[in-house]
Amino acid sequence: MYCEDSRGTDIDHFRPKIGYRNLTFAWLNLLLACSGCNRKKGDRFPTTPSGEALLIDPSIDDPWDHLYFNGETGLIVERWLPETRAADPKGRTTASDEYLQLNVEAVCEGRLRVKRSLERSVNSFLRNPCPDAVSELKEAAEDGACYGLTDWFFKREGTEEEPFRTLHNGHPEIWEEIVALTVQE
């Protein structure tokens, strides 16, 4: 889903029926969406002059290639590209409030709750690396997948944040088990 929230109640036509009638019933064009994002997007579909989608297609794009997670606020913002010194075009469009609702307060708070849960589980394991702590850590990682945050903290820039860096450096075998869980999803 666009916002990675669990309130998926609608089916969105990624490429809208208006303008893309031939994709009306194409499975790969149908996405689960919360009603807020679906209403906000409506029949609008921003593209580049060459026709490339400017919204992230969550069924084929890795959102973290275009977006960045702010762990202090829970906001999802556009990724800045050092080579162009500008915002990633898909990230800018997707994270803007013009087309979707990625950063409504409830969703941001949900992301922060998942982050805190992941941090607690990692810290608990680091204090006492027993089998129960490993199970708790794996469960938290699976729960973190609902907002894409397990990928963020175990595969992307979040790996450099504490306590994730300490887990990665001190327990690479456990780290790999968590990463392997994310590949299965």
N, C-alpha and C. Protein backbone atom coordinates (compact mmCIF):
# COMPACT_ATOMS: atom_id res chain seq x y z
N MET A 1 0.84 -1.18 0.00
CA MET A 1 0.00 0.00 0.00
C MET A 1 0.88 1.24 0.00
N TYR A 2 0.34 2.33 -0.38
CA TYR A 2 1.11 3.57 -0.43
C TYR A 2 1.65 3.98 0.94
N CYS A 3 0.77 4.08 1.91
CA CYS A 3 1.18 4.61 3.22
C CYS A 3 1.71 3.52 4.15
N GLU A 4 1.67 2.27 3.73
CA GLU A 4 2.15 1.14 4.53
C GLU A 4 1.35 0.97 5.82
N ASP A 5 0.19 1.59 5.92
CA ASP A 5 -0.64 1.43 7.08
C ASP A 5 -1.50 0.18 6.88
N SER A 6 -2.11 -0.29 7.93
CA SER A 6 -2.89 -1.53 7.84
C SER A 6 -4.37 -1.26 7.57
N ARG A 7 -4.71 -0.05 7.19
CA ARG A 7 -6.12 0.29 6.99
C ARG A 7 -6.56 0.09 5.54
N GLY A 8 -5.96 -0.85 4.84
CA GLY A 8 -6.30 -1.06 3.44
C GLY A 8 -7.72 -1.53 3.26
N THR A 9 -8.58 -0.64 2.86
CA THR A 9 -10.00 -0.96 2.71
C THR A 9 -10.47 -0.80 1.27
N ASP A 10 -9.65 -0.19 0.43
CA ASP A 10 -10.04 0.12 -0.95
C ASP A 10 -9.10 -0.56 -1.93
N ILE A 11 -9.58 -0.67 -3.14
CA ILE A 11 -8.74 -1.10 -4.25
C ILE A 11 -8.53 0.12 -5.14
N ASP A 12 -7.28 0.47 -5.38
CA ASP A 12 -6.94 1.62 -6.22
C ASP A 12 -6.46 1.13 -7.57
N HIS A 13 -6.84 1.83 -8.61
CA HIS A 13 -6.27 1.61 -9.93
C HIS A 13 -5.03 2.50 -10.01
N PHE A 14 -3.83 1.89 -9.95
CA PHE A 14 -2.61 2.68 -9.96
C PHE A 14 -2.64 3.63 -11.16
N ARG A 15 -2.81 3.08 -12.33
CA ARG A 15 -3.07 3.92 -13.51
C ARG A 15 -4.59 3.97 -13.62
N PRO A 16 -5.18 5.16 -13.48
CA PRO A 16 -6.64 5.27 -13.37
C PRO A 16 -7.40 4.77 -14.60
N LYS A 17 -8.63 4.38 -14.34
CA LYS A 17 -9.49 3.89 -15.43
C LYS A 17 -9.62 4.94 -16.52
N ILE A 18 -9.70 6.20 -16.10
CA ILE A 18 -9.75 7.28 -17.09
C ILE A 18 -8.34 7.44 -17.65
N GLY A 19 -8.20 7.21 -18.92
CA GLY A 19 -6.90 7.33 -19.57
C GLY A 19 -6.18 6.01 -19.74
N TYR A 20 -6.56 5.00 -18.95
CA TYR A 20 -5.90 3.68 -19.03
C TYR A 20 -6.97 2.59 -18.95
N ARG A 21 -8.01 2.75 -19.74
CA ARG A 21 -9.15 1.84 -19.71
C ARG A 21 -8.73 0.38 -19.91
N ASN A 22 -7.69 0.16 -20.71
CA ASN A 22 -7.25 -1.22 -20.98
C ASN A 22 -6.65 -1.88 -19.73
N LEU A 23 -6.35 -1.11 -18.69
CA LEU A 23 -5.78 -1.67 -17.46
C LEU A 23 -6.82 -1.77 -16.33
N THR A 24 -8.07 -1.51 -16.64
CA THR A 24 -9.12 -1.50 -15.61
C THR A 24 -9.14 -2.78 -14.79
N PHE A 25 -8.99 -3.93 -15.44
CA PHE A 25 -9.06 -5.21 -14.73
C PHE A 25 -7.71 -5.94 -14.69
N ALA A 26 -6.64 -5.24 -14.99
CA ALA A 26 -5.30 -5.85 -14.94
C ALA A 26 -4.86 -5.98 -13.48
N TRP A 27 -4.58 -7.20 -13.05
CA TRP A 27 -4.24 -7.46 -11.65
C TRP A 27 -3.10 -6.58 -11.16
N LEU A 28 -2.08 -6.41 -11.97
CA LEU A 28 -0.91 -5.64 -11.53
C LEU A 28 -1.19 -4.15 -11.43
N ASN A 29 -2.34 -3.72 -11.91
CA ASN A 29 -2.73 -2.31 -11.80
C ASN A 29 -3.63 -2.06 -10.59
N LEU A 30 -4.03 -3.11 -9.90
CA LEU A 30 -4.93 -2.99 -8.75
C LEU A 30 -4.12 -3.07 -7.46
N LEU A 31 -4.22 -2.04 -6.64
CA LEU A 31 -3.45 -1.96 -5.41
C LEU A 31 -4.36 -1.78 -4.21
N LEU A 32 -3.99 -2.41 -3.10
CA LEU A 32 -4.70 -2.18 -1.85
C LEU A 32 -4.32 -0.79 -1.35
N ALA A 33 -5.29 -0.02 -0.94
CA ALA A 33 -5.04 1.33 -0.45
C ALA A 33 -5.99 1.66 0.68
N CYS A 34 -5.54 2.53 1.57
CA CYS A 34 -6.48 3.01 2.58
C CYS A 34 -7.43 3.99 1.88
N SER A 35 -8.58 4.20 2.46
CA SER A 35 -9.56 5.07 1.80
C SER A 35 -9.05 6.50 1.69
N GLY A 36 -8.25 6.96 2.66
CA GLY A 36 -7.71 8.32 2.58
C GLY A 36 -6.81 8.52 1.37
N CYS A 37 -5.86 7.61 1.17
CA CYS A 37 -4.97 7.71 0.01
C CYS A 37 -5.75 7.55 -1.29
N ASN A 38 -6.68 6.60 -1.31
CA ASN A 38 -7.44 6.36 -2.54
C ASN A 38 -8.29 7.57 -2.92
N ARG A 39 -8.93 8.20 -1.94
CA ARG A 39 -9.72 9.41 -2.23
C ARG A 39 -8.82 10.56 -2.67
N LYS A 40 -7.70 10.71 -2.00
CA LYS A 40 -6.80 11.83 -2.31
C LYS A 40 -6.26 11.69 -3.74
N LYS A 41 -5.83 10.48 -4.11
CA LYS A 41 -5.28 10.25 -5.45
C LYS A 41 -6.37 10.35 -6.51
N GLY A 42 -7.51 9.73 -6.23
CA GLY A 42 -8.61 9.77 -7.19
C GLY A 42 -8.18 9.28 -8.57
N ASP A 43 -8.57 10.03 -9.58
CA ASP A 43 -8.22 9.68 -10.97
C ASP A 43 -6.97 10.39 -11.45
N ARG A 44 -6.27 11.03 -10.54
CA ARG A 44 -5.06 11.76 -10.95
C ARG A 44 -3.88 10.80 -11.03
N PHE A 45 -3.02 11.03 -11.98
CA PHE A 45 -1.85 10.17 -12.18
C PHE A 45 -0.72 11.00 -12.77
N PRO A 46 0.12 11.57 -11.91
CA PRO A 46 1.19 12.42 -12.41
C PRO A 46 2.26 11.61 -13.14
N THR A 47 2.71 12.14 -14.26
CA THR A 47 3.76 11.48 -15.05
C THR A 47 4.80 12.50 -15.50
N THR A 48 5.94 11.98 -15.90
CA THR A 48 6.96 12.82 -16.53
C THR A 48 6.49 13.12 -17.94
N PRO A 49 7.14 14.05 -18.64
CA PRO A 49 6.77 14.32 -20.04
C PRO A 49 6.83 13.07 -20.93
N SER A 50 7.67 12.10 -20.56
CA SER A 50 7.76 10.88 -21.36
C SER A 50 6.74 9.82 -20.95
N GLY A 51 5.89 10.12 -19.94
CA GLY A 51 4.84 9.21 -19.54
C GLY A 51 5.20 8.29 -18.38
N GLU A 52 6.38 8.44 -17.77
CA GLU A 52 6.78 7.60 -16.63
C GLU A 52 6.03 8.06 -15.38
N ALA A 53 5.55 7.10 -14.62
CA ALA A 53 4.80 7.41 -13.39
C ALA A 53 5.67 8.18 -12.41
N LEU A 54 5.09 9.20 -11.78
CA LEU A 54 5.79 9.96 -10.75
C LEU A 54 5.36 9.55 -9.34
N LEU A 55 4.44 8.60 -9.25
CA LEU A 55 4.11 8.01 -7.96
C LEU A 55 4.83 6.67 -7.87
N ILE A 56 5.26 6.32 -6.69
CA ILE A 56 5.87 5.02 -6.48
C ILE A 56 4.80 3.96 -6.63
N ASP A 57 5.09 2.94 -7.42
CA ASP A 57 4.20 1.79 -7.53
C ASP A 57 4.68 0.78 -6.50
N PRO A 58 3.96 0.64 -5.37
CA PRO A 58 4.45 -0.23 -4.30
C PRO A 58 4.52 -1.71 -4.68
N SER A 59 3.95 -2.07 -5.83
CA SER A 59 4.03 -3.47 -6.24
C SER A 59 5.31 -3.77 -7.00
N ILE A 60 6.01 -2.73 -7.49
CA ILE A 60 7.25 -3.00 -8.23
C ILE A 60 8.44 -2.14 -7.75
N ASP A 61 8.18 -0.98 -7.19
CA ASP A 61 9.26 -0.10 -6.74
C ASP A 61 9.61 -0.39 -5.29
N ASP A 62 10.88 -0.29 -4.95
CA ASP A 62 11.28 -0.30 -3.54
C ASP A 62 11.12 1.13 -3.06
N PRO A 63 10.17 1.38 -2.16
CA PRO A 63 9.92 2.76 -1.72
C PRO A 63 11.17 3.45 -1.17
N TRP A 64 12.06 2.66 -0.52
CA TRP A 64 13.25 3.27 0.09
C TRP A 64 14.26 3.73 -0.94
N ASP A 65 14.08 3.37 -2.20
CA ASP A 65 14.94 3.93 -3.26
C ASP A 65 14.57 5.39 -3.51
N HIS A 66 13.38 5.80 -3.10
CA HIS A 66 12.86 7.13 -3.40
C HIS A 66 12.52 7.95 -2.15
N LEU A 67 12.38 7.27 -1.02
CA LEU A 67 11.92 7.92 0.20
C LEU A 67 12.92 7.74 1.34
N TYR A 68 12.73 8.53 2.37
CA TYR A 68 13.60 8.50 3.56
C TYR A 68 12.71 8.56 4.80
N PHE A 69 13.05 7.76 5.81
CA PHE A 69 12.29 7.74 7.05
C PHE A 69 12.96 8.62 8.09
N ASN A 70 12.22 9.57 8.63
CA ASN A 70 12.73 10.43 9.71
C ASN A 70 12.30 9.78 11.03
N GLY A 71 13.25 9.17 11.71
CA GLY A 71 12.97 8.43 12.93
C GLY A 71 12.61 9.30 14.12
N GLU A 72 12.79 10.60 14.02
CA GLU A 72 12.40 11.51 15.11
C GLU A 72 10.93 11.88 15.02
N THR A 73 10.43 12.02 13.80
CA THR A 73 9.05 12.50 13.60
C THR A 73 8.10 11.41 13.09
N GLY A 74 8.65 10.35 12.49
CA GLY A 74 7.82 9.32 11.87
C GLY A 74 7.40 9.68 10.46
N LEU A 75 7.86 10.83 9.97
CA LEU A 75 7.51 11.27 8.63
C LEU A 75 8.29 10.51 7.57
N ILE A 76 7.65 10.31 6.44
CA ILE A 76 8.30 9.81 5.24
C ILE A 76 8.50 11.01 4.34
N VAL A 77 9.74 11.24 3.92
CA VAL A 77 10.06 12.39 3.08
C VAL A 77 10.79 11.92 1.83
N GLU A 78 10.91 12.80 0.86
CA GLU A 78 11.60 12.44 -0.37
C GLU A 78 13.09 12.27 -0.10
N ARG A 79 13.69 11.35 -0.83
CA ARG A 79 15.13 11.11 -0.76
C ARG A 79 15.84 12.17 -1.62
N TRP A 80 16.92 12.70 -1.11
CA TRP A 80 17.73 13.64 -1.88
C TRP A 80 18.80 12.88 -2.63
N LEU A 81 18.98 13.24 -3.88
CA LEU A 81 19.96 12.58 -4.74
C LEU A 81 21.23 13.44 -4.80
N PRO A 82 22.33 12.94 -4.24
CA PRO A 82 23.56 13.75 -4.21
C PRO A 82 24.07 14.12 -5.60
N GLU A 83 23.88 13.22 -6.57
CA GLU A 83 24.40 13.49 -7.92
C GLU A 83 23.69 14.65 -8.60
N THR A 84 22.41 14.85 -8.29
CA THR A 84 21.67 15.96 -8.91
C THR A 84 21.43 17.10 -7.94
N ARG A 85 21.70 16.85 -6.64
CA ARG A 85 21.45 17.83 -5.58
C ARG A 85 20.00 18.29 -5.58
N ALA A 86 19.12 17.31 -5.83
CA ALA A 86 17.68 17.60 -5.87
C ALA A 86 16.94 16.40 -5.30
N ALA A 87 15.68 16.61 -5.02
CA ALA A 87 14.83 15.54 -4.51
C ALA A 87 14.56 14.52 -5.60
N ASP A 88 14.45 13.26 -5.20
CA ASP A 88 14.06 12.21 -6.13
C ASP A 88 12.65 12.54 -6.62
N PRO A 89 12.43 12.58 -7.93
CA PRO A 89 11.11 12.98 -8.45
C PRO A 89 9.95 12.09 -7.95
N LYS A 90 10.13 10.76 -7.97
CA LYS A 90 9.06 9.88 -7.46
C LYS A 90 8.87 10.09 -5.97
N GLY A 91 9.96 10.25 -5.24
CA GLY A 91 9.86 10.47 -3.81
C GLY A 91 9.14 11.77 -3.48
N ARG A 92 9.50 12.84 -4.22
CA ARG A 92 8.87 14.14 -3.97
C ARG A 92 7.37 14.08 -4.22
N THR A 93 6.97 13.47 -5.33
CA THR A 93 5.55 13.40 -5.67
C THR A 93 4.79 12.50 -4.70
N THR A 94 5.37 11.34 -4.38
CA THR A 94 4.70 10.39 -3.50
C THR A 94 4.57 10.93 -2.08
N ALA A 95 5.60 11.60 -1.59
CA ALA A 95 5.59 12.10 -0.20
C ALA A 95 4.82 13.41 -0.05
N SER A 96 4.54 14.07 -1.15
CA SER A 96 3.79 15.33 -1.05
C SER A 96 2.36 15.03 -0.61
N ASP A 97 1.72 15.99 -0.03
CA ASP A 97 0.33 15.80 0.39
C ASP A 97 -0.65 15.99 -0.75
N GLU A 98 -0.14 16.27 -1.94
CA GLU A 98 -1.01 16.55 -3.07
C GLU A 98 -1.75 15.31 -3.56
N TYR A 99 -1.07 14.14 -3.55
CA TYR A 99 -1.67 12.95 -4.14
C TYR A 99 -2.03 11.85 -3.14
N LEU A 100 -1.30 11.75 -2.03
CA LEU A 100 -1.50 10.67 -1.07
C LEU A 100 -1.47 11.23 0.35
N GLN A 101 -1.71 10.35 1.31
CA GLN A 101 -1.70 10.76 2.72
C GLN A 101 -0.69 9.91 3.50
N LEU A 102 0.57 9.98 3.12
CA LEU A 102 1.59 9.16 3.78
C LEU A 102 1.88 9.61 5.20
N ASN A 103 1.66 10.87 5.48
CA ASN A 103 2.12 11.42 6.74
C ASN A 103 1.02 11.96 7.65
N VAL A 104 -0.14 11.31 7.62
CA VAL A 104 -1.17 11.70 8.58
C VAL A 104 -0.68 11.29 9.97
N GLU A 105 -1.14 11.98 10.99
CA GLU A 105 -0.63 11.80 12.34
C GLU A 105 -0.70 10.35 12.83
N ALA A 106 -1.81 9.68 12.58
CA ALA A 106 -1.95 8.30 13.06
C ALA A 106 -0.93 7.36 12.43
N VAL A 107 -0.65 7.56 11.15
CA VAL A 107 0.33 6.70 10.46
C VAL A 107 1.74 7.01 10.96
N CYS A 108 2.06 8.28 11.13
CA CYS A 108 3.38 8.65 11.66
C CYS A 108 3.58 8.08 13.06
N GLU A 109 2.55 8.16 13.89
CA GLU A 109 2.64 7.59 15.24
C GLU A 109 2.79 6.08 15.19
N GLY A 110 2.11 5.45 14.25
CA GLY A 110 2.27 4.00 14.07
C GLY A 110 3.70 3.63 13.71
N ARG A 111 4.30 4.41 12.83
CA ARG A 111 5.71 4.16 12.47
C ARG A 111 6.62 4.31 13.68
N LEU A 112 6.38 5.34 14.48
CA LEU A 112 7.21 5.56 15.67
C LEU A 112 7.02 4.43 16.69
N ARG A 113 5.79 3.92 16.82
CA ARG A 113 5.56 2.79 17.73
C ARG A 113 6.33 1.56 17.27
N VAL A 114 6.32 1.31 15.96
CA VAL A 114 7.05 0.16 15.42
C VAL A 114 8.55 0.35 15.63
N LYS A 115 9.05 1.56 15.41
CA LYS A 115 10.47 1.83 15.64
C LYS A 115 10.84 1.56 17.10
N ARG A 116 10.02 2.06 18.03
CA ARG A 116 10.31 1.84 19.45
C ARG A 116 10.27 0.35 19.80
N SER A 117 9.35 -0.38 19.22
CA SER A 117 9.25 -1.82 19.47
C SER A 117 10.51 -2.53 18.95
N LEU A 118 10.94 -2.18 17.75
CA LEU A 118 12.17 -2.76 17.21
C LEU A 118 13.36 -2.44 18.10
N GLU A 119 13.47 -1.19 18.52
CA GLU A 119 14.59 -0.78 19.39
C GLU A 119 14.55 -1.54 20.72
N ARG A 120 13.37 -1.65 21.31
CA ARG A 120 13.25 -2.39 22.59
C ARG A 120 13.68 -3.84 22.43
N SER A 121 13.25 -4.46 21.35
CA SER A 121 13.59 -5.86 21.12
C SER A 121 15.08 -6.05 20.88
N VAL A 122 15.67 -5.15 20.12
CA VAL A 122 17.12 -5.23 19.88
C VAL A 122 17.86 -5.02 21.20
N ASN A 123 17.47 -4.01 21.96
CA ASN A 123 18.14 -3.74 23.24
C ASN A 123 17.97 -4.91 24.21
N SER A 124 16.80 -5.50 24.25
CA SER A 124 16.56 -6.66 25.11
C SER A 124 17.48 -7.81 24.73
N PHE A 125 17.60 -8.05 23.43
CA PHE A 125 18.50 -9.10 22.97
C PHE A 125 19.95 -8.78 23.33
N LEU A 126 20.36 -7.55 23.13
CA LEU A 126 21.75 -7.17 23.43
C LEU A 126 22.07 -7.34 24.92
N ARG A 127 21.10 -7.08 25.78
CA ARG A 127 21.31 -7.25 27.23
C ARG A 127 21.39 -8.73 27.61
N ASN A 128 20.60 -9.56 26.93
CA ASN A 128 20.53 -10.98 27.27
C ASN A 128 20.25 -11.78 26.01
N PRO A 129 21.29 -12.14 25.26
CA PRO A 129 21.09 -12.82 23.97
C PRO A 129 20.70 -14.29 24.11
N CYS A 130 19.54 -14.52 24.70
CA CYS A 130 19.04 -15.88 24.90
C CYS A 130 18.02 -16.22 23.80
N PRO A 131 17.64 -17.48 23.69
CA PRO A 131 16.65 -17.87 22.65
C PRO A 131 15.34 -17.10 22.72
N ASP A 132 14.85 -16.81 23.95
CA ASP A 132 13.60 -16.05 24.05
C ASP A 132 13.75 -14.65 23.46
N ALA A 133 14.90 -14.03 23.69
CA ALA A 133 15.15 -12.69 23.15
C ALA A 133 15.25 -12.73 21.63
N VAL A 134 15.81 -13.81 21.09
CA VAL A 134 15.88 -13.97 19.63
C VAL A 134 14.47 -14.08 19.06
N SER A 135 13.62 -14.87 19.71
CA SER A 135 12.24 -15.02 19.25
C SER A 135 11.50 -13.69 19.30
N GLU A 136 11.68 -12.94 20.37
CA GLU A 136 11.04 -11.63 20.51
C GLU A 136 11.53 -10.68 19.41
N LEU A 137 12.82 -10.72 19.13
CA LEU A 137 13.39 -9.87 18.10
C LEU A 137 12.82 -10.22 16.72
N LYS A 138 12.71 -11.49 16.43
CA LYS A 138 12.15 -11.90 15.14
C LYS A 138 10.68 -11.49 15.02
N GLU A 139 9.94 -11.63 16.11
CA GLU A 139 8.53 -11.22 16.10
C GLU A 139 8.41 -9.71 15.87
N ALA A 140 9.24 -8.93 16.53
CA ALA A 140 9.22 -7.47 16.33
C ALA A 140 9.58 -7.12 14.90
N ALA A 141 10.54 -7.84 14.32
CA ALA A 141 10.93 -7.58 12.94
C ALA A 141 9.78 -7.89 11.98
N GLU A 142 9.06 -8.96 12.24
CA GLU A 142 7.90 -9.28 11.40
C GLU A 142 6.82 -8.22 11.55
N ASP A 143 6.59 -7.73 12.77
CA ASP A 143 5.62 -6.66 12.99
C ASP A 143 6.05 -5.37 12.30
N GLY A 144 7.35 -5.12 12.27
CA GLY A 144 7.88 -3.91 11.64
C GLY A 144 7.73 -3.88 10.15
N ALA A 145 7.46 -5.03 9.56
CA ALA A 145 7.31 -5.08 8.11
C ALA A 145 6.07 -4.33 7.64
N CYS A 146 5.07 -4.16 8.52
CA CYS A 146 3.82 -3.53 8.07
C CYS A 146 4.04 -2.07 7.66
N TYR A 147 5.03 -1.42 8.16
CA TYR A 147 5.34 -0.05 7.74
C TYR A 147 6.62 0.00 6.90
N GLY A 148 7.16 -1.14 6.55
CA GLY A 148 8.40 -1.18 5.79
C GLY A 148 9.63 -0.87 6.63
N LEU A 149 9.46 -0.78 7.95
CA LEU A 149 10.57 -0.34 8.79
C LEU A 149 11.59 -1.42 9.07
N THR A 150 11.21 -2.69 8.98
CA THR A 150 12.22 -3.73 9.12
C THR A 150 13.23 -3.60 8.00
N ASP A 151 12.76 -3.38 6.79
CA ASP A 151 13.69 -3.14 5.68
C ASP A 151 14.56 -1.91 5.94
N TRP A 152 13.94 -0.84 6.46
CA TRP A 152 14.68 0.40 6.71
C TRP A 152 15.82 0.17 7.71
N PHE A 153 15.53 -0.50 8.81
CA PHE A 153 16.53 -0.66 9.87
C PHE A 153 17.47 -1.84 9.66
N PHE A 154 17.11 -2.80 8.83
CA PHE A 154 17.97 -3.96 8.64
C PHE A 154 18.61 -4.03 7.26
N LYS A 155 18.22 -3.14 6.34
CA LYS A 155 18.80 -3.16 5.00
C LYS A 155 19.21 -1.78 4.48
N ARG A 156 18.65 -0.74 5.03
CA ARG A 156 18.89 0.59 4.49
C ARG A 156 19.62 1.46 5.51
N GLU A 157 19.43 2.78 5.44
CA GLU A 157 20.15 3.72 6.29
C GLU A 157 19.96 3.50 7.78
N GLY A 158 18.85 2.92 8.16
CA GLY A 158 18.59 2.66 9.57
C GLY A 158 19.60 1.70 10.21
N THR A 159 20.34 0.95 9.39
CA THR A 159 21.33 0.03 9.94
C THR A 159 22.43 0.78 10.70
N GLU A 160 22.60 2.07 10.41
CA GLU A 160 23.64 2.86 11.06
C GLU A 160 23.19 3.48 12.38
N GLU A 161 21.91 3.35 12.69
CA GLU A 161 21.38 3.90 13.94
C GLU A 161 21.55 2.89 15.07
N GLU A 162 21.73 3.41 16.26
CA GLU A 162 21.77 2.52 17.44
C GLU A 162 20.35 2.18 17.84
N PRO A 163 20.11 1.00 18.31
CA PRO A 163 21.02 -0.10 18.64
C PRO A 163 21.25 -1.07 17.49
N PHE A 164 20.75 -0.74 16.30
CA PHE A 164 20.85 -1.65 15.16
C PHE A 164 22.30 -1.88 14.74
N ARG A 165 23.10 -0.83 14.77
CA ARG A 165 24.52 -0.96 14.40
C ARG A 165 25.22 -1.94 15.34
N THR A 166 24.94 -1.84 16.64
CA THR A 166 25.58 -2.74 17.61
C THR A 166 25.15 -4.19 17.37
N LEU A 167 23.87 -4.41 17.08
CA LEU A 167 23.41 -5.75 16.77
C LEU A 167 24.12 -6.28 15.52
N HIS A 168 24.19 -5.47 14.49
CA HIS A 168 24.82 -5.87 13.23
C HIS A 168 26.29 -6.23 13.44
N ASN A 169 27.00 -5.38 14.17
CA ASN A 169 28.43 -5.61 14.38
C ASN A 169 28.72 -6.74 15.35
N GLY A 170 27.89 -6.89 16.39
CA GLY A 170 28.17 -7.87 17.43
C GLY A 170 27.55 -9.24 17.23
N HIS A 171 26.50 -9.30 16.42
CA HIS A 171 25.78 -10.58 16.24
C HIS A 171 25.38 -10.74 14.77
N PRO A 172 26.36 -10.86 13.89
CA PRO A 172 26.04 -10.93 12.45
C PRO A 172 25.15 -12.12 12.08
N GLU A 173 25.23 -13.21 12.83
CA GLU A 173 24.40 -14.38 12.50
C GLU A 173 22.93 -14.09 12.79
N ILE A 174 22.64 -13.41 13.88
CA ILE A 174 21.25 -13.03 14.20
C ILE A 174 20.78 -11.99 13.18
N TRP A 175 21.65 -11.05 12.86
CA TRP A 175 21.32 -10.03 11.85
C TRP A 175 20.88 -10.69 10.55
N GLU A 176 21.64 -11.67 10.11
CA GLU A 176 21.32 -12.36 8.84
C GLU A 176 19.99 -13.11 8.93
N GLU A 177 19.68 -13.64 10.10
CA GLU A 177 18.38 -14.31 10.27
C GLU A 177 17.24 -13.30 10.10
N ILE A 178 17.42 -12.11 10.65
CA ILE A 178 16.38 -11.07 10.52
C ILE A 178 16.26 -10.64 9.07
N VAL A 179 17.39 -10.41 8.41
CA VAL A 179 17.37 -10.02 6.99
C VAL A 179 16.69 -11.11 6.16
N ALA A 180 16.96 -12.37 6.48
CA ALA A 180 16.33 -13.46 5.74
C ALA A 180 14.82 -13.46 5.90
N LEU A 181 14.34 -13.05 7.08
CA LEU A 181 12.88 -12.94 7.28
C LEU A 181 12.28 -11.92 6.33
N THR A 182 12.98 -10.81 6.11
CA THR A 182 12.44 -9.75 5.26
C THR A 182 12.40 -10.17 3.80
N VAL A 183 13.28 -11.07 3.39
CA VAL A 183 13.30 -11.53 2.01
C VAL A 183 12.08 -12.39 1.71
N GLN A 184 11.58 -13.11 2.72
CA GLN A 184 10.44 -14.01 2.52
C GLN A 184 9.15 -13.27 2.27
N GLU A 185 9.06 -12.00 2.66
CA GLU A 185 7.80 -11.26 2.54
C GLU A 185 7.50 -10.85 1.13
